[in-house]
PDB file of all heavy atoms in Angstrom:
ATOM      1  N   LYS A   1       9.581   3.630   9.918  1.00  0.00           N
ATOM      2  CA  LYS A   1       8.485   2.765   9.495  1.00  0.00           C
ATOM      3  C   LYS A   1       7.180   3.326  10.046  1.00  0.00           C
ATOM      4  O   LYS A   1       7.084   3.622  11.242  1.00  0.00           O
ATOM      5  CB  LYS A   1       8.729   1.361  10.044  1.00  0.00           C
ATOM      6  CG  LYS A   1       7.746   0.330   9.617  1.00  0.00           C
ATOM      7  CD  LYS A   1       8.192  -1.023  10.169  1.00  0.00           C
ATOM      8  CE  LYS A   1       7.306  -2.117   9.693  1.00  0.00           C
ATOM      9  NZ  LYS A   1       7.765  -3.424  10.193  1.00  0.00           N
ATOM     10  N   ARG A   2       6.201   3.487   9.156  1.00  0.00           N
ATOM     11  CA  ARG A   2       4.896   4.020   9.566  1.00  0.00           C
ATOM     12  C   ARG A   2       3.787   3.156   8.990  1.00  0.00           C
ATOM     13  O   ARG A   2       3.889   2.670   7.860  1.00  0.00           O
ATOM     14  CB  ARG A   2       4.715   5.443   9.061  1.00  0.00           C
ATOM     15  CG  ARG A   2       5.685   6.394   9.698  1.00  0.00           C
ATOM     16  CD  ARG A   2       5.022   7.695   9.968  1.00  0.00           C
ATOM     17  NE  ARG A   2       5.948   8.556  10.684  1.00  0.00           N
ATOM     18  CZ  ARG A   2       6.019   9.839  10.507  1.00  0.00           C
ATOM     19  NH1 ARG A   2       5.239  10.424   9.644  1.00  0.00           N
ATOM     20  NH2 ARG A   2       6.860  10.558  11.203  1.00  0.00           N
ATOM     21  N   THR A   3       2.710   3.005   9.768  1.00  0.00           N
ATOM     22  CA  THR A   3       1.562   2.219   9.349  1.00  0.00           C
ATOM     23  C   THR A   3       0.353   3.140   9.236  1.00  0.00           C
ATOM     24  O   THR A   3       0.106   3.971  10.113  1.00  0.00           O
ATOM     25  CB  THR A   3       1.267   1.102  10.369  1.00  0.00           C
ATOM     26  OG1 THR A   3       2.430   0.284  10.494  1.00  0.00           O
ATOM     27  CG2 THR A   3       0.095   0.251   9.915  1.00  0.00           C
ATOM     28  N   TYR A   4      -0.385   2.972   8.140  1.00  0.00           N
ATOM     29  CA  TYR A   4      -1.578   3.784   7.878  1.00  0.00           C
ATOM     30  C   TYR A   4      -2.757   2.865   7.587  1.00  0.00           C
ATOM     31  O   TYR A   4      -2.592   1.801   6.992  1.00  0.00           O
ATOM     32  CB  TYR A   4      -1.362   4.689   6.665  1.00  0.00           C
ATOM     33  CG  TYR A   4      -0.221   5.652   6.829  1.00  0.00           C
ATOM     34  CD1 TYR A   4       1.066   5.312   6.412  1.00  0.00           C
ATOM     35  CD2 TYR A   4      -0.413   6.904   7.388  1.00  0.00           C
ATOM     36  CE1 TYR A   4       2.127   6.188   6.562  1.00  0.00           C
ATOM     37  CE2 TYR A   4       0.642   7.788   7.545  1.00  0.00           C
ATOM     38  CZ  TYR A   4       1.901   7.426   7.134  1.00  0.00           C
ATOM     39  OH  TYR A   4       2.946   8.294   7.290  1.00  0.00           O
ATOM     40  N   THR A   5      -3.952   3.289   7.981  1.00  0.00           N
ATOM     41  CA  THR A   5      -5.175   2.574   7.641  1.00  0.00           C
ATOM     42  C   THR A   5      -5.754   3.187   6.378  1.00  0.00           C
ATOM     43  O   THR A   5      -5.929   4.404   6.292  1.00  0.00           O
ATOM     44  CB  THR A   5      -6.206   2.678   8.790  1.00  0.00           C
ATOM     45  OG1 THR A   5      -5.621   2.110   9.962  1.00  0.00           O
ATOM     46  CG2 THR A   5      -7.474   1.938   8.447  1.00  0.00           C
ATOM     47  N   LEU A   6      -6.027   2.334   5.404  1.00  0.00           N
ATOM     48  CA  LEU A   6      -6.608   2.792   4.141  1.00  0.00           C
ATOM     49  C   LEU A   6      -8.122   2.652   4.203  1.00  0.00           C
ATOM     50  O   LEU A   6      -8.640   1.642   4.677  1.00  0.00           O
ATOM     51  CB  LEU A   6      -6.055   1.969   2.977  1.00  0.00           C
ATOM     52  CG  LEU A   6      -4.556   2.080   2.740  1.00  0.00           C
ATOM     53  CD1 LEU A   6      -4.123   1.097   1.667  1.00  0.00           C
ATOM     54  CD2 LEU A   6      -4.177   3.484   2.336  1.00  0.00           C
ATOM     55  N   LYS A   7      -8.811   3.655   3.726  1.00  0.00           N
ATOM     56  CA  LYS A   7     -10.274   3.621   3.664  1.00  0.00           C
ATOM     57  C   LYS A   7     -10.695   3.444   2.211  1.00  0.00           C
ATOM     58  O   LYS A   7     -10.081   3.999   1.303  1.00  0.00           O
ATOM     59  CB  LYS A   7     -10.850   4.914   4.227  1.00  0.00           C
ATOM     60  CG  LYS A   7     -10.554   5.076   5.689  1.00  0.00           C
ATOM     61  CD  LYS A   7     -11.118   6.363   6.219  1.00  0.00           C
ATOM     62  CE  LYS A   7     -10.845   6.398   7.701  1.00  0.00           C
ATOM     63  NZ  LYS A   7     -10.292   7.606   8.172  1.00  0.00           N
ATOM     64  N   ASN A   8     -11.741   2.659   2.019  1.00  0.00           N
ATOM     65  CA  ASN A   8     -12.322   2.414   0.692  1.00  0.00           C
ATOM     66  C   ASN A   8     -11.373   1.688  -0.258  1.00  0.00           C
ATOM     67  O   ASN A   8     -11.386   1.939  -1.458  1.00  0.00           O
ATOM     68  CB  ASN A   8     -12.816   3.714   0.052  1.00  0.00           C
ATOM     69  CG  ASN A   8     -13.864   4.399   0.892  1.00  0.00           C
ATOM     70  OD1 ASN A   8     -14.754   3.746   1.416  1.00  0.00           O
ATOM     71  ND2 ASN A   8     -13.751   5.700   1.036  1.00  0.00           N
ATOM     72  N   LEU A   9     -10.560   0.785   0.282  1.00  0.00           N
ATOM     73  CA  LEU A   9      -9.720  -0.070  -0.551  1.00  0.00           C
ATOM     74  C   LEU A   9     -10.584  -1.252  -0.962  1.00  0.00           C
ATOM     75  O   LEU A   9     -10.942  -2.085  -0.137  1.00  0.00           O
ATOM     76  CB  LEU A   9      -8.479  -0.531   0.219  1.00  0.00           C
ATOM     77  CG  LEU A   9      -7.504  -1.431  -0.531  1.00  0.00           C
ATOM     78  CD1 LEU A   9      -6.952  -0.718  -1.770  1.00  0.00           C
ATOM     79  CD2 LEU A   9      -6.375  -1.866   0.386  1.00  0.00           C
ATOM     80  N   ASP A  10     -10.954  -1.310  -2.245  1.00  0.00           N
ATOM     81  CA  ASP A  10     -11.979  -2.238  -2.696  1.00  0.00           C
ATOM     82  C   ASP A  10     -11.491  -3.542  -3.308  1.00  0.00           C
ATOM     83  O   ASP A  10     -12.275  -4.470  -3.445  1.00  0.00           O
ATOM     84  CB  ASP A  10     -12.889  -1.543  -3.716  1.00  0.00           C
ATOM     85  CG  ASP A  10     -13.653  -0.389  -3.100  1.00  0.00           C
ATOM     86  OD1 ASP A  10     -13.897  -0.421  -1.888  1.00  0.00           O
ATOM     87  OD2 ASP A  10     -13.988   0.556  -3.842  1.00  0.00           O
ATOM     88  N   CYS A  11     -10.231  -3.623  -3.720  1.00  0.00           N
ATOM     89  CA  CYS A  11      -9.806  -4.876  -4.358  1.00  0.00           C
ATOM     90  C   CYS A  11      -8.306  -5.116  -4.189  1.00  0.00           C
ATOM     91  O   CYS A  11      -7.522  -4.188  -4.030  1.00  0.00           O
ATOM     92  CB  CYS A  11     -10.183  -4.891  -5.834  1.00  0.00           C
ATOM     93  SG  CYS A  11      -9.228  -3.796  -6.879  1.00  0.00           S
ATOM     94  N   ALA A  12      -7.951  -6.395  -4.229  1.00  0.00           N
ATOM     95  CA  ALA A  12      -6.556  -6.790  -4.069  1.00  0.00           C
ATOM     96  C   ALA A  12      -5.711  -6.319  -5.245  1.00  0.00           C
ATOM     97  O   ALA A  12      -4.537  -5.971  -5.075  1.00  0.00           O
ATOM     98  CB  ALA A  12      -6.461  -8.301  -3.915  1.00  0.00           C
ATOM     99  N   THR A  13      -6.281  -6.279  -6.418  1.00  0.00           N
ATOM    100  CA  THR A  13      -5.549  -5.815  -7.595  1.00  0.00           C
ATOM    101  C   THR A  13      -5.169  -4.345  -7.434  1.00  0.00           C
ATOM    102  O   THR A  13      -4.034  -3.957  -7.749  1.00  0.00           O
ATOM    103  CB  THR A  13      -6.375  -6.012  -8.876  1.00  0.00           C
ATOM    104  OG1 THR A  13      -6.678  -7.402  -9.003  1.00  0.00           O
ATOM    105  CG2 THR A  13      -5.635  -5.536 -10.098  1.00  0.00           C
ATOM    106  N   CYS A  14      -6.083  -3.543  -6.922  1.00  0.00           N
ATOM    107  CA  CYS A  14      -5.786  -2.127  -6.675  1.00  0.00           C
ATOM    108  C   CYS A  14      -4.653  -1.994  -5.660  1.00  0.00           C
ATOM    109  O   CYS A  14      -3.762  -1.164  -5.832  1.00  0.00           O
ATOM    110  CB  CYS A  14      -7.021  -1.396  -6.167  1.00  0.00           C
ATOM    111  SG  CYS A  14      -8.310  -1.189  -7.410  1.00  0.00           S
ATOM    112  N   ALA A  15      -4.683  -2.807  -4.614  1.00  0.00           N
ATOM    113  CA  ALA A  15      -3.624  -2.767  -3.601  1.00  0.00           C
ATOM    114  C   ALA A  15      -2.272  -3.079  -4.234  1.00  0.00           C
ATOM    115  O   ALA A  15      -1.278  -2.395  -3.956  1.00  0.00           O
ATOM    116  CB  ALA A  15      -3.925  -3.748  -2.473  1.00  0.00           C
ATOM    117  N   ALA A  16      -2.227  -4.076  -5.100  1.00  0.00           N
ATOM    118  CA  ALA A  16      -0.974  -4.438  -5.773  1.00  0.00           C
ATOM    119  C   ALA A  16      -0.492  -3.325  -6.694  1.00  0.00           C
ATOM    120  O   ALA A  16       0.709  -3.017  -6.738  1.00  0.00           O
ATOM    121  CB  ALA A  16      -1.158  -5.736  -6.554  1.00  0.00           C
ATOM    122  N   LEU A  17      -1.410  -2.698  -7.417  1.00  0.00           N
ATOM    123  CA  LEU A  17      -1.045  -1.588  -8.306  1.00  0.00           C
ATOM    124  C   LEU A  17      -0.529  -0.393  -7.508  1.00  0.00           C
ATOM    125  O   LEU A  17       0.423   0.281  -7.909  1.00  0.00           O
ATOM    126  CB  LEU A  17      -2.234  -1.176  -9.172  1.00  0.00           C
ATOM    127  CG  LEU A  17      -2.669  -2.175 -10.238  1.00  0.00           C
ATOM    128  CD1 LEU A  17      -3.992  -1.737 -10.865  1.00  0.00           C
ATOM    129  CD2 LEU A  17      -1.593  -2.319 -11.298  1.00  0.00           C
ATOM    130  N   MET A  18      -1.158  -0.135  -6.363  1.00  0.00           N
ATOM    131  CA  MET A  18      -0.709   0.960  -5.495  1.00  0.00           C
ATOM    132  C   MET A  18       0.701   0.687  -4.983  1.00  0.00           C
ATOM    133  O   MET A  18       1.556   1.581  -5.007  1.00  0.00           O
ATOM    134  CB  MET A  18      -1.668   1.132  -4.319  1.00  0.00           C
ATOM    135  CG  MET A  18      -2.998   1.710  -4.703  1.00  0.00           C
ATOM    136  SD  MET A  18      -4.119   1.676  -3.286  1.00  0.00           S
ATOM    137  CE  MET A  18      -5.660   2.107  -4.077  1.00  0.00           C
ATOM    138  N   GLU A  19       0.938  -0.541  -4.513  1.00  0.00           N
ATOM    139  CA  GLU A  19       2.278  -0.913  -4.032  1.00  0.00           C
ATOM    140  C   GLU A  19       3.327  -0.676  -5.108  1.00  0.00           C
ATOM    141  O   GLU A  19       4.369  -0.079  -4.860  1.00  0.00           O
ATOM    142  CB  GLU A  19       2.320  -2.394  -3.645  1.00  0.00           C
ATOM    143  CG  GLU A  19       1.967  -2.689  -2.242  1.00  0.00           C
ATOM    144  CD  GLU A  19       2.214  -4.146  -1.894  1.00  0.00           C
ATOM    145  OE1 GLU A  19       2.795  -4.904  -2.690  1.00  0.00           O
ATOM    146  OE2 GLU A  19       1.812  -4.524  -0.782  1.00  0.00           O
ATOM    147  N   GLU A  20       3.046  -1.157  -6.301  1.00  0.00           N
ATOM    148  CA  GLU A  20       3.989  -1.021  -7.414  1.00  0.00           C
ATOM    149  C   GLU A  20       4.296   0.446  -7.708  1.00  0.00           C
ATOM    150  O   GLU A  20       5.441   0.823  -7.913  1.00  0.00           O
ATOM    151  CB  GLU A  20       3.421  -1.703  -8.654  1.00  0.00           C
ATOM    152  CG  GLU A  20       4.349  -1.724  -9.836  1.00  0.00           C
ATOM    153  CD  GLU A  20       3.736  -2.434 -11.025  1.00  0.00           C
ATOM    154  OE1 GLU A  20       2.944  -3.379 -10.827  1.00  0.00           O
ATOM    155  OE2 GLU A  20       4.053  -2.031 -12.162  1.00  0.00           O
ATOM    156  N   SER A  21       3.264   1.264  -7.707  1.00  0.00           N
ATOM    157  CA  SER A  21       3.439   2.685  -7.993  1.00  0.00           C
ATOM    158  C   SER A  21       4.227   3.393  -6.884  1.00  0.00           C
ATOM    159  O   SER A  21       5.119   4.194  -7.150  1.00  0.00           O
ATOM    160  CB  SER A  21       2.072   3.344  -8.173  1.00  0.00           C
ATOM    161  OG  SER A  21       2.210   4.711  -8.448  1.00  0.00           O
ATOM    162  N   ILE A  22       3.901   3.085  -5.636  1.00  0.00           N
ATOM    163  CA  ILE A  22       4.541   3.740  -4.499  1.00  0.00           C
ATOM    164  C   ILE A  22       6.017   3.357  -4.398  1.00  0.00           C
ATOM    165  O   ILE A  22       6.851   4.171  -3.995  1.00  0.00           O
ATOM    166  CB  ILE A  22       3.778   3.410  -3.198  1.00  0.00           C
ATOM    167  CG1 ILE A  22       2.403   4.088  -3.246  1.00  0.00           C
ATOM    168  CG2 ILE A  22       4.558   3.842  -1.963  1.00  0.00           C
ATOM    169  CD1 ILE A  22       1.441   3.615  -2.177  1.00  0.00           C
ATOM    170  N   ARG A  23       6.364   2.139  -4.803  1.00  0.00           N
ATOM    171  CA  ARG A  23       7.770   1.704  -4.746  1.00  0.00           C
ATOM    172  C   ARG A  23       8.674   2.613  -5.571  1.00  0.00           C
ATOM    173  O   ARG A  23       9.860   2.715  -5.288  1.00  0.00           O
ATOM    174  CB  ARG A  23       7.898   0.276  -5.252  1.00  0.00           C
ATOM    175  CG  ARG A  23       7.633  -0.725  -4.195  1.00  0.00           C
ATOM    176  CD  ARG A  23       8.137  -2.108  -4.532  1.00  0.00           C
ATOM    177  NE  ARG A  23       7.841  -2.967  -3.410  1.00  0.00           N
ATOM    178  CZ  ARG A  23       6.737  -3.678  -3.296  1.00  0.00           C
ATOM    179  NH1 ARG A  23       5.852  -3.672  -4.246  1.00  0.00           N
ATOM    180  NH2 ARG A  23       6.538  -4.420  -2.230  1.00  0.00           N
ATOM    181  N   GLY A  24       8.130   3.288  -6.559  1.00  0.00           N
ATOM    182  CA  GLY A  24       8.924   4.163  -7.409  1.00  0.00           C
ATOM    183  C   GLY A  24       9.197   5.539  -6.831  1.00  0.00           C
ATOM    184  O   GLY A  24       9.889   6.345  -7.449  1.00  0.00           O
ATOM    185  N   ILE A  25       8.678   5.833  -5.651  1.00  0.00           N
ATOM    186  CA  ILE A  25       8.866   7.150  -5.045  1.00  0.00           C
ATOM    187  C   ILE A  25      10.221   7.210  -4.353  1.00  0.00           C
ATOM    188  O   ILE A  25      10.558   6.339  -3.544  1.00  0.00           O
ATOM    189  CB  ILE A  25       7.746   7.452  -4.018  1.00  0.00           C
ATOM    190  CG1 ILE A  25       6.384   7.457  -4.701  1.00  0.00           C
ATOM    191  CG2 ILE A  25       8.009   8.778  -3.306  1.00  0.00           C
ATOM    192  CD1 ILE A  25       5.215   7.581  -3.745  1.00  0.00           C
ATOM    193  N   GLU A  26      10.984   8.251  -4.662  1.00  0.00           N
ATOM    194  CA  GLU A  26      12.275   8.447  -4.007  1.00  0.00           C
ATOM    195  C   GLU A  26      12.049   8.696  -2.522  1.00  0.00           C
ATOM    196  O   GLU A  26      11.206   9.520  -2.143  1.00  0.00           O
ATOM    197  CB  GLU A  26      13.006   9.633  -4.630  1.00  0.00           C
ATOM    198  CG  GLU A  26      14.416   9.770  -4.151  1.00  0.00           C
ATOM    199  CD  GLU A  26      15.177  10.843  -4.890  1.00  0.00           C
ATOM    200  OE1 GLU A  26      14.880  11.077  -6.067  1.00  0.00           O
ATOM    201  OE2 GLU A  26      16.054  11.445  -4.259  1.00  0.00           O
ATOM    202  N   GLY A  27      12.759   7.976  -1.694  1.00  0.00           N
ATOM    203  CA  GLY A  27      12.593   8.088  -0.246  1.00  0.00           C
ATOM    204  C   GLY A  27      11.874   6.890   0.349  1.00  0.00           C
ATOM    205  O   GLY A  27      11.944   6.657   1.548  1.00  0.00           O
ATOM    206  N   ILE A  28      11.174   6.122  -0.483  1.00  0.00           N
ATOM    207  CA  ILE A  28      10.487   4.925  -0.015  1.00  0.00           C
ATOM    208  C   ILE A  28      11.421   3.733  -0.206  1.00  0.00           C
ATOM    209  O   ILE A  28      11.834   3.428  -1.318  1.00  0.00           O
ATOM    210  CB  ILE A  28       9.172   4.678  -0.791  1.00  0.00           C
ATOM    211  CG1 ILE A  28       8.169   5.802  -0.544  1.00  0.00           C
ATOM    212  CG2 ILE A  28       8.564   3.325  -0.416  1.00  0.00           C
ATOM    213  CD1 ILE A  28       7.594   5.859   0.850  1.00  0.00           C
ATOM    214  N   ASP A  29      11.759   3.076   0.900  1.00  0.00           N
ATOM    215  CA  ASP A  29      12.602   1.881   0.837  1.00  0.00           C
ATOM    216  C   ASP A  29      11.763   0.627   0.617  1.00  0.00           C
ATOM    217  O   ASP A  29      12.174  -0.290  -0.084  1.00  0.00           O
ATOM    218  CB  ASP A  29      13.424   1.731   2.124  1.00  0.00           C
ATOM    219  CG  ASP A  29      14.402   2.873   2.311  1.00  0.00           C
ATOM    220  OD1 ASP A  29      14.877   3.432   1.301  1.00  0.00           O
ATOM    221  OD2 ASP A  29      14.691   3.212   3.476  1.00  0.00           O
ATOM    222  N   ASP A  30      10.583   0.578   1.248  1.00  0.00           N
ATOM    223  CA  ASP A  30       9.693  -0.574   1.091  1.00  0.00           C
ATOM    224  C   ASP A  30       8.268  -0.136   1.384  1.00  0.00           C
ATOM    225  O   ASP A  30       8.039   0.782   2.164  1.00  0.00           O
ATOM    226  CB  ASP A  30      10.106  -1.700   2.042  1.00  0.00           C
ATOM    227  CG  ASP A  30       9.430  -3.024   1.700  1.00  0.00           C
ATOM    228  OD1 ASP A  30       9.073  -3.223   0.518  1.00  0.00           O
ATOM    229  OD2 ASP A  30       9.254  -3.853   2.611  1.00  0.00           O
ATOM    230  N   VAL A  31       7.329  -0.817   0.744  1.00  0.00           N
ATOM    231  CA  VAL A  31       5.909  -0.567   0.981  1.00  0.00           C
ATOM    232  C   VAL A  31       5.189  -1.900   0.962  1.00  0.00           C
ATOM    233  O   VAL A  31       5.528  -2.794   0.190  1.00  0.00           O
ATOM    234  CB  VAL A  31       5.302   0.404  -0.071  1.00  0.00           C
ATOM    235  CG1 VAL A  31       5.463  -0.130  -1.469  1.00  0.00           C
ATOM    236  CG2 VAL A  31       3.847   0.693   0.237  1.00  0.00           C
ATOM    237  N   SER A  32       4.211  -2.018   1.837  1.00  0.00           N
ATOM    238  CA  SER A  32       3.385  -3.213   1.885  1.00  0.00           C
ATOM    239  C   SER A  32       1.944  -2.772   2.112  1.00  0.00           C
ATOM    240  O   SER A  32       1.661  -2.030   3.053  1.00  0.00           O
ATOM    241  CB  SER A  32       3.843  -4.127   3.026  1.00  0.00           C
ATOM    242  OG  SER A  32       2.958  -5.215   3.155  1.00  0.00           O
ATOM    243  N   ILE A  33       1.051  -3.220   1.233  1.00  0.00           N
ATOM    244  CA  ILE A  33      -0.366  -2.902   1.385  1.00  0.00           C
ATOM    245  C   ILE A  33      -1.122  -4.212   1.499  1.00  0.00           C
ATOM    246  O   ILE A  33      -1.030  -5.074   0.627  1.00  0.00           O
ATOM    247  CB  ILE A  33      -0.901  -2.072   0.202  1.00  0.00           C
ATOM    248  CG1 ILE A  33      -0.191  -0.730   0.143  1.00  0.00           C
ATOM    249  CG2 ILE A  33      -2.413  -1.877   0.340  1.00  0.00           C
ATOM    250  CD1 ILE A  33      -0.604   0.155  -1.022  1.00  0.00           C
ATOM    251  N   SER A  34      -1.871  -4.353   2.587  1.00  0.00           N
ATOM    252  CA  SER A  34      -2.683  -5.540   2.802  1.00  0.00           C
ATOM    253  C   SER A  34      -4.137  -5.208   2.513  1.00  0.00           C
ATOM    254  O   SER A  34      -4.742  -4.379   3.204  1.00  0.00           O
ATOM    255  CB  SER A  34      -2.547  -6.033   4.244  1.00  0.00           C
ATOM    256  OG  SER A  34      -3.508  -7.046   4.495  1.00  0.00           O
ATOM    257  N   PHE A  35      -4.687  -5.876   1.505  1.00  0.00           N
ATOM    258  CA  PHE A  35      -6.098  -5.678   1.168  1.00  0.00           C
ATOM    259  C   PHE A  35      -6.986  -6.191   2.305  1.00  0.00           C
ATOM    260  O   PHE A  35      -8.001  -5.579   2.634  1.00  0.00           O
ATOM    261  CB  PHE A  35      -6.424  -6.400  -0.142  1.00  0.00           C
ATOM    262  CG  PHE A  35      -7.887  -6.501  -0.417  1.00  0.00           C
ATOM    263  CD1 PHE A  35      -8.637  -5.379  -0.694  1.00  0.00           C
ATOM    264  CD2 PHE A  35      -8.527  -7.722  -0.382  1.00  0.00           C
ATOM    265  CE1 PHE A  35      -9.999  -5.454  -0.941  1.00  0.00           C
ATOM    266  CE2 PHE A  35      -9.890  -7.815  -0.636  1.00  0.00           C
ATOM    267  CZ  PHE A  35     -10.621  -6.686  -0.906  1.00  0.00           C
ATOM    268  N   MET A  36      -6.599  -7.299   2.914  1.00  0.00           N
ATOM    269  CA  MET A  36      -7.428  -7.917   3.960  1.00  0.00           C
ATOM    270  C   MET A  36      -7.558  -7.034   5.205  1.00  0.00           C
ATOM    271  O   MET A  36      -8.625  -6.953   5.787  1.00  0.00           O
ATOM    272  CB  MET A  36      -6.860  -9.285   4.351  1.00  0.00           C
ATOM    273  CG  MET A  36      -6.905 -10.295   3.220  1.00  0.00           C
ATOM    274  SD  MET A  36      -8.573 -10.622   2.612  1.00  0.00           S
ATOM    275  CE  MET A  36      -9.259 -11.463   4.004  1.00  0.00           C
ATOM    276  N   THR A  37      -6.469  -6.378   5.600  1.00  0.00           N
ATOM    277  CA  THR A  37      -6.511  -5.546   6.807  1.00  0.00           C
ATOM    278  C   THR A  37      -6.659  -4.062   6.495  1.00  0.00           C
ATOM    279  O   THR A  37      -6.814  -3.261   7.420  1.00  0.00           O
ATOM    280  CB  THR A  37      -5.237  -5.742   7.656  1.00  0.00           C
ATOM    281  OG1 THR A  37      -4.094  -5.314   6.897  1.00  0.00           O
ATOM    282  CG2 THR A  37      -5.071  -7.192   8.083  1.00  0.00           C
ATOM    283  N   CYS A  38      -6.580  -3.712   5.213  1.00  0.00           N
ATOM    284  CA  CYS A  38      -6.642  -2.305   4.774  1.00  0.00           C
ATOM    285  C   CYS A  38      -5.557  -1.469   5.450  1.00  0.00           C
ATOM    286  O   CYS A  38      -5.795  -0.346   5.891  1.00  0.00           O
ATOM    287  CB  CYS A  38      -8.017  -1.710   5.009  1.00  0.00           C
ATOM    288  SG  CYS A  38      -9.280  -2.432   3.969  1.00  0.00           S
ATOM    289  N   ARG A  39      -4.350  -2.035   5.535  1.00  0.00           N
ATOM    290  CA  ARG A  39      -3.220  -1.336   6.139  1.00  0.00           C
ATOM    291  C   ARG A  39      -2.091  -1.188   5.132  1.00  0.00           C
ATOM    292  O   ARG A  39      -1.842  -2.070   4.329  1.00  0.00           O
ATOM    293  CB  ARG A  39      -2.700  -2.091   7.345  1.00  0.00           C
ATOM    294  CG  ARG A  39      -3.728  -2.274   8.395  1.00  0.00           C
ATOM    295  CD  ARG A  39      -3.223  -1.871   9.733  1.00  0.00           C
ATOM    296  NE  ARG A  39      -4.258  -2.210  10.704  1.00  0.00           N
ATOM    297  CZ  ARG A  39      -4.802  -1.347  11.505  1.00  0.00           C
ATOM    298  NH1 ARG A  39      -4.407  -0.118  11.498  1.00  0.00           N
ATOM    299  NH2 ARG A  39      -5.739  -1.698  12.338  1.00  0.00           N
ATOM    300  N   MET A  40      -1.432  -0.043   5.217  1.00  0.00           N
ATOM    301  CA  MET A  40      -0.266   0.228   4.396  1.00  0.00           C
ATOM    302  C   MET A  40       0.902   0.518   5.329  1.00  0.00           C
ATOM    303  O   MET A  40       0.793   1.339   6.238  1.00  0.00           O
ATOM    304  CB  MET A  40      -0.521   1.447   3.502  1.00  0.00           C
ATOM    305  CG  MET A  40       0.697   1.913   2.736  1.00  0.00           C
ATOM    306  SD  MET A  40       0.359   3.284   1.610  1.00  0.00           S
ATOM    307  CE  MET A  40      -0.146   4.588   2.738  1.00  0.00           C
ATOM    308  N   VAL A  41       2.016  -0.167   5.096  1.00  0.00           N
ATOM    309  CA  VAL A  41       3.225   0.058   5.873  1.00  0.00           C
ATOM    310  C   VAL A  41       4.258   0.653   4.936  1.00  0.00           C
ATOM    311  O   VAL A  41       4.583   0.074   3.900  1.00  0.00           O
ATOM    312  CB  VAL A  41       3.759  -1.255   6.493  1.00  0.00           C
ATOM    313  CG1 VAL A  41       5.052  -0.987   7.255  1.00  0.00           C
ATOM    314  CG2 VAL A  41       2.711  -1.883   7.401  1.00  0.00           C
TER     315      VAL A  41
END
């Protein structure tokens, strides 16, 4: 499990679209992007 800080994350809709896209990557078991904290786990 790794946590990253996202820079220039401008909207909650973008965060949701990013999560959806990243979930399709082989090797990723789970992803969570918080628009409020600009963090991706």
